[in-house]
C-alpha atoms as a PDB file:
ATOM      1  CA  MET A   1     197.040 262.100 -34.134  1.00  0.00           C
ATOM      2  CA  LYS A   2     194.908 264.978 -35.280  1.00  0.00           C
ATOM      3  CA  PHE A   3     191.301 264.920 -36.732  1.00  0.00           C
ATOM      4  CA  GLY A   4     188.967 267.266 -38.468  1.00  0.00           C
ATOM      5  CA  VAL A   5     185.284 266.302 -38.126  1.00  0.00           C
ATOM      6  CA  ASP A   6     182.203 267.720 -39.884  1.00  0.00           C
ATOM      7  CA  GLY A   7     178.580 266.619 -39.558  1.00  0.00           C
ATOM      8  CA  CYS A   8     177.101 264.665 -42.433  1.00  0.00           C
ATOM      9  CA  SER A   9     173.968 262.730 -43.300  1.00  0.00           C
ATOM     10  CA  GLY A  10     175.505 259.443 -42.058  1.00  0.00           C
ATOM     11  CA  GLY A  11     176.776 260.976 -38.801  1.00  0.00           C
ATOM     12  CA  TRP A  12     180.287 262.472 -38.923  1.00  0.00           C
ATOM     13  CA  CYS A  13     182.794 262.901 -41.712  1.00  0.00           C
ATOM     14  CA  CYS A  14     186.310 262.457 -40.255  1.00  0.00           C
ATOM     15  CA  CYS A  15     189.579 263.451 -41.805  1.00  0.00           C
ATOM     16  CA  SER A  16     193.051 262.566 -40.506  1.00  0.00           C
ATOM     17  CA  SER A  17     196.313 261.418 -42.013  1.00  0.00           C
ATOM     18  CA  TYR A  18     198.443 258.282 -42.155  1.00  0.00           C
ATOM     19  CA  ASN A  19     201.948 258.049 -43.665  1.00  0.00           C
ATOM     20  CA  ASN A  20     201.567 261.599 -44.943  1.00  0.00           C
ATOM     21  CA  SER A  21     198.309 260.837 -46.856  1.00  0.00           C
ATOM     22  CA  LEU A  22     194.875 261.912 -45.951  1.00  0.00           C
ATOM     23  CA  VAL A  23     192.502 259.242 -44.613  1.00  0.00           C
ATOM     24  CA  PHE A  24     188.688 259.552 -44.157  1.00  0.00           C
ATOM     25  CA  TYR A  25     186.116 257.804 -42.072  1.00  0.00           C
ATOM     26  CA  ILE A  26     182.285 258.140 -41.729  1.00  0.00           C
ATOM     27  CA  LEU A  27     181.333 257.273 -38.217  1.00  0.00           C
ATOM     28  CA  LYS A  28     177.699 257.363 -36.782  1.00  0.00           C
ATOM     29  CA  ASP A  29     178.642 258.669 -33.315  1.00  0.00           C
ATOM     30  CA  VAL A  30     181.419 260.864 -31.885  1.00  0.00           C
ATOM     31  CA  LYS A  31     182.186 258.291 -29.198  1.00  0.00           C
ATOM     32  CA  PHE A  32     183.237 255.808 -31.907  1.00  0.00           C
ATOM     33  CA  ILE A  33     185.990 258.150 -32.967  1.00  0.00           C
ATOM     34  CA  PHE A  34     187.615 257.983 -29.471  1.00  0.00           C
ATOM     35  CA  GLN A  35     186.944 254.281 -29.242  1.00  0.00           C
ATOM     36  CA  GLU A  36     188.670 253.619 -32.620  1.00  0.00           C
ATOM     37  CA  PHE A  37     191.445 256.201 -32.196  1.00  0.00           C
ATOM     38  CA  PRO A  38     192.352 256.533 -28.478  1.00  0.00           C
ATOM     39  CA  LYS A  39     195.620 258.380 -29.216  1.00  0.00           C
ATOM     40  CA  ILE A  40     193.918 261.467 -30.599  1.00  0.00           C
ATOM     41  CA  ASN A  41     195.778 264.660 -29.686  1.00  0.00           C
ATOM     42  CA  TYR A  42     193.274 267.188 -30.972  1.00  0.00           C
ATOM     43  CA  LEU A  43     189.923 266.866 -32.750  1.00  0.00           C
ATOM     44  CA  PHE A  44     188.519 270.007 -34.399  1.00  0.00           C
ATOM     45  CA  ILE A  45     184.800 269.722 -34.988  1.00  0.00           C
ATOM     46  CA  ASP A  46     182.280 272.023 -36.593  1.00  0.00           C
ATOM     47  CA  ILE A  47     179.554 271.952 -33.923  1.00  0.00           C
ATOM     48  CA  PRO A  48     178.793 274.385 -31.001  1.00  0.00           C
ATOM     49  CA  ILE A  49     180.417 273.254 -27.811  1.00  0.00           C
ATOM     50  CA  GLY A  50     179.593 275.135 -24.525  1.00  0.00           C
ATOM     51  CA  LEU A  51     175.981 276.340 -24.500  1.00  0.00           C
ATOM     52  CA  SER A  52     173.863 279.115 -23.160  1.00  0.00           C
ATOM     53  CA  ASP A  53     171.696 278.192 -20.223  1.00  0.00           C
ATOM     54  CA  TYR A  54     169.712 279.964 -17.477  1.00  0.00           C
ATOM     55  CA  GLY A  55     172.451 282.023 -15.870  1.00  0.00           C
ATOM     56  CA  PHE A  56     175.009 281.842 -18.749  1.00  0.00           C
ATOM     57  CA  LYS A  57     175.196 283.297 -22.188  1.00  0.00           C
ATOM     58  CA  ARG A  58     177.384 282.028 -24.987  1.00  0.00           C
ATOM     59  CA  LEU A  59     179.202 284.938 -26.659  1.00  0.00           C
ATOM     60  CA  VAL A  60     181.756 283.373 -29.021  1.00  0.00           C
ATOM     61  CA  ASP A  61     179.406 283.194 -31.961  1.00  0.00           C
ATOM     62  CA  ALA A  62     179.142 286.947 -32.143  1.00  0.00           C
ATOM     63  CA  LYS A  63     182.904 287.353 -31.741  1.00  0.00           C
ATOM     64  CA  LEU A  64     183.494 284.850 -34.526  1.00  0.00           C
ATOM     65  CA  ARG A  65     181.038 286.624 -36.771  1.00  0.00           C
ATOM     66  CA  ASP A  66     182.884 289.973 -36.173  1.00  0.00           C
ATOM     67  CA  MET A  67     186.184 288.431 -37.263  1.00  0.00           C
ATOM     68  CA  LEU A  68     184.881 287.087 -40.561  1.00  0.00           C
ATOM     69  CA  PRO A  69     184.833 289.115 -43.682  1.00  0.00           C
ATOM     70  CA  PRO A  70     181.467 290.585 -44.701  1.00  0.00           C
ATOM     71  CA  ASN A  71     180.624 287.899 -47.365  1.00  0.00           C
ATOM     72  CA  ARG A  72     181.146 285.100 -44.871  1.00  0.00           C
ATOM     73  CA  LYS A  73     179.448 286.387 -41.717  1.00  0.00           C
ATOM     74  CA  SER A  74     176.202 284.565 -42.408  1.00  0.00           C
ATOM     75  CA  SER A  75     178.052 281.258 -42.125  1.00  0.00           C
ATOM     76  CA  VAL A  76     177.930 281.816 -38.309  1.00  0.00           C
ATOM     77  CA  PHE A  77     174.591 281.204 -36.580  1.00  0.00           C
ATOM     78  CA  ASN A  78     173.827 281.741 -32.888  1.00  0.00           C
ATOM     79  CA  ALA A  79     174.092 278.284 -31.271  1.00  0.00           C
ATOM     80  CA  PRO A  80     170.737 277.106 -29.683  1.00  0.00           C
ATOM     81  CA  SER A  81     170.726 277.004 -25.901  1.00  0.00           C
ATOM     82  CA  ARG A  82     170.864 273.881 -23.822  1.00  0.00           C
ATOM     83  CA  PRO A  83     167.154 274.028 -22.756  1.00  0.00           C
ATOM     84  CA  SER A  84     166.145 274.126 -26.426  1.00  0.00           C
ATOM     85  CA  ILE A  85     168.287 271.261 -27.745  1.00  0.00           C
ATOM     86  CA  TYR A  86     166.868 269.058 -25.003  1.00  0.00           C
ATOM     87  CA  SER A  87     163.326 269.850 -25.977  1.00  0.00           C
ATOM     88  CA  ASP A  88     161.026 267.198 -27.488  1.00  0.00           C
ATOM     89  CA  SER A  89     159.806 269.261 -30.453  1.00  0.00           C
ATOM     90  CA  TYR A  90     160.637 272.337 -32.503  1.00  0.00           C
ATOM     91  CA  ASN A  91     157.710 274.219 -30.899  1.00  0.00           C
ATOM     92  CA  ASP A  92     158.939 273.380 -27.350  1.00  0.00           C
ATOM     93  CA  ALA A  93     162.505 274.443 -28.422  1.00  0.00           C
ATOM     94  CA  LYS A  94     161.047 277.807 -29.644  1.00  0.00           C
ATOM     95  CA  GLN A  95     159.361 278.383 -26.365  1.00  0.00           C
ATOM     96  CA  ALA A  96     162.538 277.464 -24.378  1.00  0.00           C
ATOM     97  CA  GLU A  97     164.631 279.826 -26.491  1.00  0.00           C
ATOM     98  CA  LEU A  98     161.962 282.659 -25.983  1.00  0.00           C
ATOM     99  CA  ARG A  99     162.149 282.185 -22.223  1.00  0.00           C
ATOM    100  CA  LEU A 100     165.897 282.296 -22.229  1.00  0.00           C
ATOM    101  CA  HIS A 101     166.762 284.876 -24.851  1.00  0.00           C
ATOM    102  CA  GLY A 102     163.558 286.562 -25.783  1.00  0.00           C
ATOM    103  CA  LYS A 103     163.739 285.358 -29.314  1.00  0.00           C
ATOM    104  CA  SER A 104     162.986 282.099 -31.063  1.00  0.00           C
ATOM    105  CA  ILE A 105     165.236 279.443 -32.603  1.00  0.00           C
ATOM    106  CA  SER A 106     165.543 279.093 -36.372  1.00  0.00           C
ATOM    107  CA  ILE A 107     164.595 275.813 -38.008  1.00  0.00           C
ATOM    108  CA  GLN A 108     168.229 275.527 -39.330  1.00  0.00           C
ATOM    109  CA  SER A 109     169.452 275.471 -35.675  1.00  0.00           C
ATOM    110  CA  TRP A 110     166.782 273.055 -34.618  1.00  0.00           C
ATOM    111  CA  ASN A 111     167.798 270.715 -37.514  1.00  0.00           C
ATOM    112  CA  ILE A 112     171.300 270.257 -36.089  1.00  0.00           C
ATOM    113  CA  SER A 113     170.210 270.284 -32.392  1.00  0.00           C
ATOM    114  CA  LYS A 114     170.427 266.369 -32.340  1.00  0.00           C
ATOM    115  CA  LYS A 115     174.125 266.594 -33.175  1.00  0.00           C
ATOM    116  CA  ILE A 116     174.740 269.404 -30.701  1.00  0.00           C
ATOM    117  CA  LYS A 117     172.913 267.375 -28.002  1.00  0.00           C
ATOM    118  CA  GLU A 118     175.167 264.360 -28.954  1.00  0.00           C
ATOM    119  CA  LEU A 119     178.259 266.333 -28.229  1.00  0.00           C
ATOM    120  CA  ASP A 120     176.860 267.961 -25.127  1.00  0.00           C
ATOM    121  CA  GLN A 121     176.010 264.575 -23.620  1.00  0.00           C
ATOM    122  CA  TYR A 122     179.357 263.140 -24.598  1.00  0.00           C
ATOM    123  CA  PHE A 123     181.215 265.946 -22.756  1.00  0.00           C
ATOM    124  CA  HIS A 124     178.992 265.502 -19.719  1.00  0.00           C
ATOM    125  CA  GLU A 125     179.674 261.743 -19.574  1.00  0.00           C
ATOM    126  CA  ASN A 126     183.426 261.942 -20.566  1.00  0.00           C
ATOM    127  CA  PRO A 127     184.883 265.229 -19.143  1.00  0.00           C
ATOM    128  CA  GLN A 128     188.397 263.850 -19.738  1.00  0.00           C
ATOM    129  CA  VAL A 129     188.028 264.746 -23.577  1.00  0.00           C
ATOM    130  CA  THR A 130     187.589 268.435 -22.846  1.00  0.00           C
ATOM    131  CA  TYR A 131     191.164 269.263 -23.883  1.00  0.00           C
ATOM    132  CA  LYS A 132     190.935 267.090 -26.978  1.00  0.00           C
ATOM    133  CA  LEU A 133     187.511 267.708 -28.525  1.00  0.00           C
ATOM    134  CA  ARG A 134     187.505 271.260 -29.770  1.00  0.00           C
ATOM    135  CA  GLU A 135     185.063 273.425 -31.545  1.00  0.00           C
ATOM    136  CA  SER A 136     186.191 275.017 -34.770  1.00  0.00           C
ATOM    137  CA  HIS A 137     184.609 276.710 -37.794  1.00  0.00           C
ATOM    138  CA  PRO A 138     185.526 275.694 -41.413  1.00  0.00           C
ATOM    139  CA  GLU A 139     184.804 279.056 -43.008  1.00  0.00           C
ATOM    140  CA  PHE A 140     187.117 280.809 -40.521  1.00  0.00           C
ATOM    141  CA  CYS A 141     189.759 278.119 -41.011  1.00  0.00           C
ATOM    142  CA  PHE A 142     189.668 278.685 -44.748  1.00  0.00           C
ATOM    143  CA  TYR A 143     189.915 282.428 -44.290  1.00  0.00           C
ATOM    144  CA  LYS A 144     193.003 281.958 -42.038  1.00  0.00           C
ATOM    145  CA  LEU A 145     194.533 279.244 -44.305  1.00  0.00           C
ATOM    146  CA  ASN A 146     194.165 281.783 -47.187  1.00  0.00           C
ATOM    147  CA  ASN A 147     196.307 284.375 -45.253  1.00  0.00           C
ATOM    148  CA  ASN A 148     193.159 286.385 -44.239  1.00  0.00           C
ATOM    149  CA  ILE A 149     192.042 286.925 -47.793  1.00  0.00           C
ATOM    150  CA  PRO A 150     188.291 286.518 -48.160  1.00  0.00           C
ATOM    151  CA  LEU A 151     187.093 283.617 -50.235  1.00  0.00           C
ATOM    152  CA  GLN A 152     184.933 284.557 -53.195  1.00  0.00           C
ATOM    153  CA  PHE A 153     182.521 281.734 -53.800  1.00  0.00           C
ATOM    154  CA  SER A 154     180.136 279.580 -51.679  1.00  0.00           C
ATOM    155  CA  LYS A 155     181.194 276.081 -50.855  1.00  0.00           C
ATOM    156  CA  LYS A 156     177.839 274.921 -52.286  1.00  0.00           C
ATOM    157  CA  MET A 157     179.117 275.864 -55.752  1.00  0.00           C
ATOM    158  CA  SER A 158     181.545 273.798 -57.775  1.00  0.00           C
ATOM    159  CA  ILE A 159     183.734 276.893 -58.251  1.00  0.00           C
ATOM    160  CA  GLY A 160     183.649 277.279 -54.414  1.00  0.00           C
ATOM    161  CA  ILE A 161     184.884 273.655 -54.028  1.00  0.00           C
ATOM    162  CA  GLU A 162     187.704 274.326 -56.520  1.00  0.00           C
ATOM    163  CA  GLU A 163     188.653 277.537 -54.632  1.00  0.00           C
ATOM    164  CA  ARG A 164     188.954 275.649 -51.337  1.00  0.00           C
ATOM    165  CA  LEU A 165     190.862 272.758 -52.862  1.00  0.00           C
ATOM    166  CA  SER A 166     193.405 275.278 -54.334  1.00  0.00           C
ATOM    167  CA  ILE A 167     193.900 276.668 -50.818  1.00  0.00           C
ATOM    168  CA  LEU A 168     194.298 273.207 -49.270  1.00  0.00           C
ATOM    169  CA  LYS A 169     196.868 272.238 -51.914  1.00  0.00           C
ATOM    170  CA  ASN A 170     199.250 274.583 -50.100  1.00  0.00           C
ATOM    171  CA  PHE A 171     199.206 272.276 -47.109  1.00  0.00           C
ATOM    172  CA  VAL A 172     198.291 268.821 -48.550  1.00  0.00           C
ATOM    173  CA  SER A 173     199.888 268.105 -51.974  1.00  0.00           C
ATOM    174  CA  ASP A 174     197.567 265.134 -52.734  1.00  0.00           C
ATOM    175  CA  VAL A 175     194.338 266.748 -51.519  1.00  0.00           C
ATOM    176  CA  GLU A 176     192.479 266.849 -54.779  1.00  0.00           C
ATOM    177  CA  ASP A 177     193.081 263.084 -55.546  1.00  0.00           C
ATOM    178  CA  SER A 178     192.275 262.129 -51.968  1.00  0.00           C
ATOM    179  CA  PHE A 179     189.108 264.216 -51.937  1.00  0.00           C
ATOM    180  CA  ASN A 180     187.782 262.868 -55.251  1.00  0.00           C
ATOM    181  CA  LYS A 181     188.441 259.195 -54.346  1.00  0.00           C
ATOM    182  CA  PHE A 182     186.666 259.456 -51.010  1.00  0.00           C
ATOM    183  CA  TYR A 183     183.683 261.534 -52.253  1.00  0.00           C
ATOM    184  CA  ASN A 184     183.171 259.387 -55.329  1.00  0.00           C
ATOM    185  CA  LYS A 185     183.132 256.277 -53.169  1.00  0.00           C
ATOM    186  CA  ASN A 186     180.593 257.707 -50.665  1.00  0.00           C
ATOM    187  CA  LYS A 187     178.423 260.190 -52.643  1.00  0.00           C
ATOM    188  CA  TYR A 188     175.462 257.833 -52.891  1.00  0.00           C
ATOM    189  CA  THR A 189     175.258 257.731 -49.192  1.00  0.00           C
ATOM    190  CA  GLY A 190     174.118 261.309 -49.063  1.00  0.00           C
ATOM    191  CA  LEU A 191     177.612 262.661 -48.328  1.00  0.00           C
ATOM    192  CA  LYS A 192     178.077 266.223 -49.654  1.00  0.00           C
ATOM    193  CA  LYS A 193     181.336 267.651 -51.172  1.00  0.00           C
ATOM    194  CA  ASP A 194     181.408 270.435 -48.640  1.00  0.00           C
ATOM    195  CA  ASP A 195     181.198 267.922 -45.766  1.00  0.00           C
ATOM    196  CA  VAL A 196     184.549 266.454 -46.933  1.00  0.00           C
ATOM    197  CA  ILE A 197     186.152 269.759 -47.813  1.00  0.00           C
ATOM    198  CA  ASP A 198     185.242 271.150 -44.348  1.00  0.00           C
ATOM    199  CA  SER A 199     186.590 268.126 -42.588  1.00  0.00           C
ATOM    200  CA  ILE A 200     189.885 268.595 -44.464  1.00  0.00           C
ATOM    201  CA  ALA A 201     190.174 272.251 -43.480  1.00  0.00           C
ATOM    202  CA  LEU A 202     189.525 271.391 -39.863  1.00  0.00           C
ATOM    203  CA  TYR A 203     192.100 268.626 -39.898  1.00  0.00           C
ATOM    204  CA  VAL A 204     194.773 270.960 -41.381  1.00  0.00           C
ATOM    205  CA  CYS A 205     194.066 273.584 -38.732  1.00  0.00           C
ATOM    206  CA  ALA A 206     194.154 270.921 -35.991  1.00  0.00           C
ATOM    207  CA  ASP A 207     197.490 269.680 -37.396  1.00  0.00           C
ATOM    208  CA  LYS A 208     198.997 273.097 -37.586  1.00  0.00           C
ATOM    209  CA  TRP A 209     197.439 274.408 -34.399  1.00  0.00           C
ATOM    210  CA  GLU A 210     200.498 274.304 -32.110  1.00  0.00           C
ATOM    211  CA  LYS A 211     202.762 275.569 -34.851  1.00  0.00           C
ATOM    212  CA  ASN A 212     200.532 278.509 -35.502  1.00  0.00           C
ATOM    213  CA  GLY A 213     200.666 279.527 -31.887  1.00  0.00           C
ATOM    214  CA  GLY A 214     197.613 277.791 -30.304  1.00  0.00           C
ATOM    215  CA  ARG A 215     195.000 280.247 -31.701  1.00  0.00           C
ATOM    216  CA  SER A 216     191.492 280.455 -30.311  1.00  0.00           C
ATOM    217  CA  ILE A 217     188.553 282.763 -29.757  1.00  0.00           C
ATOM    218  CA  SER A 218     187.388 282.789 -26.110  1.00  0.00           C
ATOM    219  CA  GLN A 219     185.013 284.652 -23.810  1.00  0.00           C
ATOM    220  CA  LEU A 220     184.315 285.491 -20.231  1.00  0.00           C
ATOM    221  CA  PRO A 221     183.164 283.573 -18.281  1.00  0.00           C
ATOM    222  CA  PRO A 222     185.146 280.900 -20.215  1.00  0.00           C
ATOM    223  CA  LYS A 223     183.032 277.811 -19.359  1.00  0.00           C
ATOM    224  CA  ASP A 224     179.336 277.109 -19.428  1.00  0.00           C
ATOM    225  CA  LEU A 225     177.253 275.836 -16.459  1.00  0.00           C
ATOM    226  CA  ARG A 226     178.465 272.225 -17.088  1.00  0.00           C
ATOM    227  CA  GLY A 227     182.062 273.359 -17.014  1.00  0.00           C
ATOM    228  CA  ILE A 228     182.513 272.968 -20.806  1.00  0.00           C
ATOM    229  CA  PRO A 229     184.718 275.632 -22.491  1.00  0.00           C
ATOM    230  CA  CYS A 230     183.054 278.212 -24.879  1.00  0.00           C
ATOM    231  CA  LYS A 231     186.052 278.409 -27.203  1.00  0.00           C
ATOM    232  CA  ILE A 232     186.602 278.292 -30.941  1.00  0.00           C
ATOM    233  CA  TYR A 233     189.952 276.977 -32.132  1.00  0.00           C
ATOM    234  CA  TYR A 234     191.608 277.639 -35.545  1.00  0.00           C
END
């Protein structure tokens, strides 16, 4: 069983398949995914996994950015460090990042630090999921699903959603109908269209990962100080 997971206002937007049709779930905590679906093979998730710390530097963000086309490089931000995500406030996080890297943390990074911390704690408490729970990146997935042809439009635009659906149709025939039904049912919860679109792309790449040759972006040293791999799968 394969999953694609993207963060959303209600927790996590999850995409998988059943009887050759897409199925979606919104779950509040990553641990619930593994509780509900213990037979998961791979779960591709759009969140940094493996973090910089005192004595270790995460390098895969820069490597991923280099591999994206020019108009999509800005979709990759440098992941906040472990000391900053465990800080009690944004100001404390900025000071922690300054001590570690000599530069501050953006408010965008701080705003998702709670979800990064959730994953980091889950890995620490459940090391057995290391080979199942894998970091991925939707924009890079779409780039690869589109045969390395750069996408033209932002996923925040209607035409960008249409562009991405047209790519996904090559892999999931009923994707447009499945997407519309799920989004229309949940849009009043704060769910965004790009949350759903990204979860589908992550699912497709997770489902095709072995067939595509087990592709990933890695670094040296390969694991952070907690033994968590710094690796991006696609």
